[in-house]
C-alpha atoms as a PDB file:
ATOM      1  CA  MET A   1       0.000   0.000   0.000  1.00  0.00           C
ATOM      2  CA  LYS A   2       2.853   2.404   0.834  1.00  0.00           C
ATOM      3  CA  ASP A   3       4.475   1.744  -2.543  1.00  0.00           C
ATOM      4  CA  LEU A   4       1.211   2.585  -4.316  1.00  0.00           C
ATOM      5  CA  VAL A   5       0.984   5.901  -2.456  1.00  0.00           C
ATOM      6  CA  LYS A   6       4.573   6.727  -3.447  1.00  0.00           C
ATOM      7  CA  ILE A   7       3.853   5.962  -7.108  1.00  0.00           C
ATOM      8  CA  ILE A   8       0.687   8.067  -7.075  1.00  0.00           C
ATOM      9  CA  ALA A   9       2.577  10.954  -5.421  1.00  0.00           C
ATOM     10  CA  ILE A  10       5.314  10.796  -8.071  1.00  0.00           C
ATOM     11  CA  ILE A  11       2.752  10.784 -10.886  1.00  0.00           C
ATOM     12  CA  ALA A  12       0.869  13.689  -9.305  1.00  0.00           C
ATOM     13  CA  GLY A  13       4.116  15.665  -8.982  1.00  0.00           C
ATOM     14  CA  ALA A  14       4.997  15.020 -12.615  1.00  0.00           C
ATOM     15  CA  VAL A  15       1.545  16.112 -13.773  1.00  0.00           C
ATOM     16  CA  GLY A  16       1.788  19.257 -11.638  1.00  0.00           C
ATOM     17  CA  ALA A  17       5.232  20.114 -12.995  1.00  0.00           C
ATOM     18  CA  ALA A  18       4.048  19.568 -16.591  1.00  0.00           C
ATOM     19  CA  ALA A  19       1.029  21.794 -15.979  1.00  0.00           C
ATOM     20  CA  LEU A  20       3.243  24.506 -14.514  1.00  0.00           C
ATOM     21  CA  LEU A  21       5.747  24.368 -17.387  1.00  0.00           C
ATOM     22  CA  THR A  22       3.128  24.419 -20.140  1.00  0.00           C
ATOM     23  CA  ARG A  23       0.726  26.984 -18.624  1.00  0.00           C
ATOM     24  CA  LYS A  24       0.267  29.942 -20.953  1.00  0.00           C
ATOM     25  CA  ARG A  25       0.979  33.394 -19.598  1.00  0.00           C
ATOM     26  CA  ALA A  26      -0.822  36.575 -20.590  1.00  0.00           C
ATOM     27  CA  ASP A  27       1.777  37.271 -23.298  1.00  0.00           C
ATOM     28  CA  GLY A  28       1.382  33.771 -24.775  1.00  0.00           C
ATOM     29  CA  SER A  29       4.699  32.363 -23.586  1.00  0.00           C
ATOM     30  CA  THR A  30       5.218  29.445 -21.236  1.00  0.00           C
ATOM     31  CA  MET A  31       7.754  28.784 -18.498  1.00  0.00           C
ATOM     32  CA  TYR A  32       9.251  26.063 -20.723  1.00  0.00           C
ATOM     33  CA  ASP A  33       9.934  28.683 -23.421  1.00  0.00           C
ATOM     34  CA  MET A  34      11.700  30.868 -20.874  1.00  0.00           C
ATOM     35  CA  LEU A  35      13.789  27.998 -19.489  1.00  0.00           C
ATOM     36  CA  SER A  36      14.773  26.734 -22.923  1.00  0.00           C
ATOM     37  CA  GLY A  37      15.780  30.265 -23.949  1.00  0.00           C
ATOM     38  CA  LYS A  38      17.905  30.661 -20.819  1.00  0.00           C
ATOM     39  CA  GLY A  39      19.486  27.252 -21.462  1.00  0.00           C
ATOM     40  CA  LYS A  40      20.377  28.248 -25.024  1.00  0.00           C
ATOM     41  CA  GLU A  41      21.917  31.520 -23.804  1.00  0.00           C
ATOM     42  CA  PHE A  42      23.944  29.613 -21.202  1.00  0.00           C
ATOM     43  CA  GLY A  43      25.150  27.161 -23.855  1.00  0.00           C
ATOM     44  CA  ASP A  44      26.197  30.016 -26.123  1.00  0.00           C
ATOM     45  CA  LYS A  45      28.166  31.588 -23.268  1.00  0.00           C
ATOM     46  CA  ILE A  46      29.950  28.289 -22.638  1.00  0.00           C
ATOM     47  CA  VAL A  47      30.880  27.995 -26.324  1.00  0.00           C
ATOM     48  CA  ARG A  48      32.230  31.574 -26.384  1.00  0.00           C
ATOM     49  CA  TYR A  49      34.196  31.033 -23.159  1.00  0.00           C
ATOM     50  CA  SER A  50      35.713  27.772 -24.403  1.00  0.00           C
ATOM     51  CA  ALA A  51      36.814  29.458 -27.643  1.00  0.00           C
ATOM     52  CA  GLU A  52      38.402  32.306 -25.654  1.00  0.00           C
ATOM     53  CA  LEU A  53      40.107  29.824 -23.342  1.00  0.00           C
ATOM     54  CA  LYS A  54      41.501  27.840 -26.281  1.00  0.00           C
ATOM     55  CA  ASP A  55      42.812  31.044 -27.866  1.00  0.00           C
ATOM     56  CA  ARG A  56      44.522  31.986 -24.602  1.00  0.00           C
ATOM     57  CA  MET A  57      46.043  28.556 -24.053  1.00  0.00           C
ATOM     58  CA  MET A  58      46.990  27.702 -27.657  1.00  0.00           C
ATOM     59  CA  PRO A  59      47.113  30.889 -29.759  1.00  0.00           C
ATOM     60  CA  ASP A  60      47.160  29.974 -33.448  1.00  0.00           C
ATOM     61  CA  ILE A  61      49.687  27.155 -33.202  1.00  0.00           C
ATOM     62  CA  LYS A  62      49.946  25.092 -36.394  1.00  0.00           C
ATOM     63  CA  GLY A  63      51.959  22.051 -37.337  1.00  0.00           C
ATOM     64  CA  SER A  64      54.626  21.881 -40.065  1.00  0.00           C
ATOM     65  CA  ALA A  65      52.050  21.376 -42.849  1.00  0.00           C
ATOM     66  CA  ASP A  66      49.402  23.702 -41.330  1.00  0.00           C
ATOM     67  CA  GLU A  67      47.784  20.945 -39.225  1.00  0.00           C
ATOM     68  CA  ASN A  68      45.728  21.667 -36.120  1.00  0.00           C
ATOM     69  CA  VAL A  69      47.666  21.350 -32.873  1.00  0.00           C
ATOM     70  CA  PHE A  70      46.179  19.490 -29.898  1.00  0.00           C
ATOM     71  CA  SER A  71      47.184  19.283 -26.246  1.00  0.00           C
ATOM     72  CA  ASN A  72      47.416  16.089 -24.187  1.00  0.00           C
ATOM     73  CA  THR A  73      46.781  15.634 -20.464  1.00  0.00           C
ATOM     74  CA  TYR A  74      50.367  16.691 -19.675  1.00  0.00           C
ATOM     75  CA  HIS A  75      49.889  19.946 -21.661  1.00  0.00           C
ATOM     76  CA  ARG A  76      52.300  18.807 -24.356  1.00  0.00           C
ATOM     77  CA  LYS A  77      51.255  20.122 -27.752  1.00  0.00           C
ATOM     78  CA  TYR A  78      51.220  17.789 -30.761  1.00  0.00           C
ATOM     79  CA  TYR A  79      49.767  17.347 -34.216  1.00  0.00           C
ATOM     80  CA  MET A  80      48.866  14.162 -36.054  1.00  0.00           C
ATOM     81  CA  ASP A  81      50.997  12.821 -38.913  1.00  0.00           C
ATOM     82  CA  ASP A  82      48.691  11.737 -41.737  1.00  0.00           C
ATOM     83  CA  THR A  83      50.936   9.032 -43.154  1.00  0.00           C
ATOM     84  CA  ASN A  84      51.498   6.921 -40.027  1.00  0.00           C
ATOM     85  CA  ASN A  85      48.884   8.468 -37.713  1.00  0.00           C
ATOM     86  CA  ASN A  86      51.586   9.234 -35.142  1.00  0.00           C
ATOM     87  CA  ARG A  87      51.671  12.131 -32.721  1.00  0.00           C
ATOM     88  CA  ILE A  88      54.404  14.640 -33.500  1.00  0.00           C
ATOM     89  CA  TYR A  89      55.145  16.845 -30.509  1.00  0.00           C
ATOM     90  CA  THR A  90      56.096  20.485 -30.948  1.00  0.00           C
ATOM     91  CA  ASP A  91      58.740  22.332 -28.950  1.00  0.00           C
ATOM     92  CA  SER A  92      56.492  25.214 -27.964  1.00  0.00           C
END
């Protein structure tokens, strides 16, 4: 009986949350629209910050044949050799 009450309470909470998220406001928007907009803005900020961080940490470093340079867990910079698929470490 206690398990049935728990299940009913969970279902009632989910229905209440769905009703709250999808309830139309006077301007026609919903709380879900607001939250999804805020989430998109937050994601855009993370993308911008990660690009700025990459530019600070590895500013325009290229390999010998203009390859992209990566960094491993020990902060050693390398690029990939296309012929043998080996890592070639740079001095910088």
